[in-house]
Every structure is written in C-alpha cells, then in structure tokens.
Amino acid sequence: MFVAIFANQTGAQQADYNAIVRKYIQQYRGIAVNEMKVYRIPASITLAQGILESNAGRSELAVEANNHFGIKCHKEWTGKTYYKDDETKHECFRKYDDPLESFRDHSMFLTRRERYNNLFKLDMTDYKGWANGLKSAGYATNPAYAQLLIKTIETYLLNQFDERVPAVSSCDSLVNRESPENQSGFRRFVNTGIGPDQRKIYENNRLRLIIARKEDNLYAIAGDFNIPVGKLLKYNDLPDPVSLKPGQIIYLEHKRRKGSAVFHKVQDGESLYSISQLYGVKLKLIYKRNNLRLGAEPEKGTILRLR
C-alpha cells in the first residue's frame, strides 16, 4: 500500500512539474525565438537553459531578480544587483527589471565571450552540439549539464522552435517596409521609441537606427535628426547621398568595431555591405578580419568573422 501511494504522489508531482514547464515554454518561447533571429542562438538551447537555471521560473533569482540564467555580476556589470549564497556565500548576481532583459543579457553574454565563439560555427538546429559546447566552454560546473539540456529539449520538443535564420532578400533591405519588428522571417531589431515625423527608432548592437521609407532620402533624415548628411554617409558606409530603398537600414551613429554576433554564414542575395548593416559593424573591418580584398564578395555558405 505504501509503495502504491508513494508512486501515485511521485507521478502527480511530475505531472505538476510538466505543467509548470509547459507554461514557462508558452510564456517565453516567443522571446527565445526572437533572440535566435537576432543573435543566432538556438531557441531550444535558450529555453532549456532558462528551464534548468530558473527551475522553470520558480527559483529565487528568477522571482526576486528576474534572472533566469543565473548570470553573475562579473566586473563589467554596472546594473542592479542581487546577493545570495551559491558556490560561495553572498555572491553577486545580475538583477533585471523584466525577464526580457534577462533573455537579452543571456544572448549578449554568449556572443561577447571568446570561449563561446566556436558555438556560432554550428548549425542552428544542432542543439546537441550547442549543449556539449556550452559544457566544454565552462558555462556550468555540473558534469551532466549537457545531458540535462539535451534531455529537457527532447522531453519538451523544444527543437521545434529552432530554424535556420533566413537571409535578407536584397543587399541592403531589412524587411517589409514599415514594420520590421513584426516580420518573423527576418532579423529583428528592438523598437526603442518614436522619433521625429513619427519614425520608429530601433536598436541593434547598442546602436540607434531607423528604416528608410518609400521615397526617403538622407537629406530628410539628416534634417529630422539634426545630423549632418556627411556624418550619416560615414555612419552607413555610403559614398554619396543617393536615393534610399524602402526598408534600408540607416544608422544614426557610428557602427561598431565588433558585430552583434560573432559569425555569419553568407546566404543568397547578401553582400558584405548588407551584412555590415545587419550586424552594425564597420564594413572595412569585415574585409580586414576575413582577409578579403576591397570589393570582393564571398560565396554563399562562407563563414564570416564579425568580431
């Protein structure tokens, strides 16, 4: 009788946990997919790590600090903090105002550290490679971490959310004209507000940008944002203020030396210019990092280093 009662209790607890995990997946899968499109981290990996690290959103860190990935402060962190005992007493963890910030910081954490560089050479659907790579790179101390990630992904079919991120359809087009944040087939940027003339302002690689409208030109944009045309040309690696294509990415400040991702696999219809705009990295540095002569265009399938 005791064995039967214990078995029933165990089964009920597992059923409750499964329901909690499925609710977590339902709540955060959209964010994980969006991060995948921006930073090329498989959504299955992000979700599985979130489930394990936060106990499906129920851990102290997740509840009190919106920290779903157990990311500690490290010396570069200047944001809010939360202290709790972990491997040592009173350790410093990052605290966020919203779980969305935790997911974004997780993406930035992986893309900005060289020890994870090799992960971005893997196919986006290779969740086993990612799981083993994270363990090998030292993401977690648990020797079974890779196996736990893989089991979580396969138990809850998280790999259904993974996909090969499609290419931008023309060399300097981002997406469908007016609403890039709503287009699931393209790289998504974060909408940060509204600028002059009701222009939406986006962020990519910690840079402000806008999307060119139909019949737009650099002179109009320069006037709207009080930025000299010459600076806009420099910011966007443009030789002259030619007419812009609807959907074209226009940065409002200097692109960075490092891209918002570590690597990029060249797709049909892409050019080095479109890739430099897509990741917010200076065009000349893509040439230099990949030992390409000026004007050369890599073939489809080429892996480019962006950092």
Foldseek 3Di string as FASTA:
>chain_A
DVVVVVVVVVVVVVVVLVVLLVVLCVVCLVLLLLLCQQAVAASLLLSLQLCVQCVSQPRPCCVVFVASRFAFQPPVRDADWDFQADVHHGGIHHGDPHVSVNSVVVSQVQQVDPLNQVVNVDAQLPLLVVLVSCVVSPSDPPPCRSVSSVCVCVVVVSSVSTDGQDDDQAAFAFDPFQDNQPDSNGNHWAFDDAFFPRWTWTDAPNFIKTFDHPQDWLVVVCVRVVHDSVQQCQQLVHPDGDTDDRRGIGTPHHFAQAFSGFKDFAAPNYFLSNVCRSGRHDSVSQCVQVVHDPPDGDDGGDITGRD
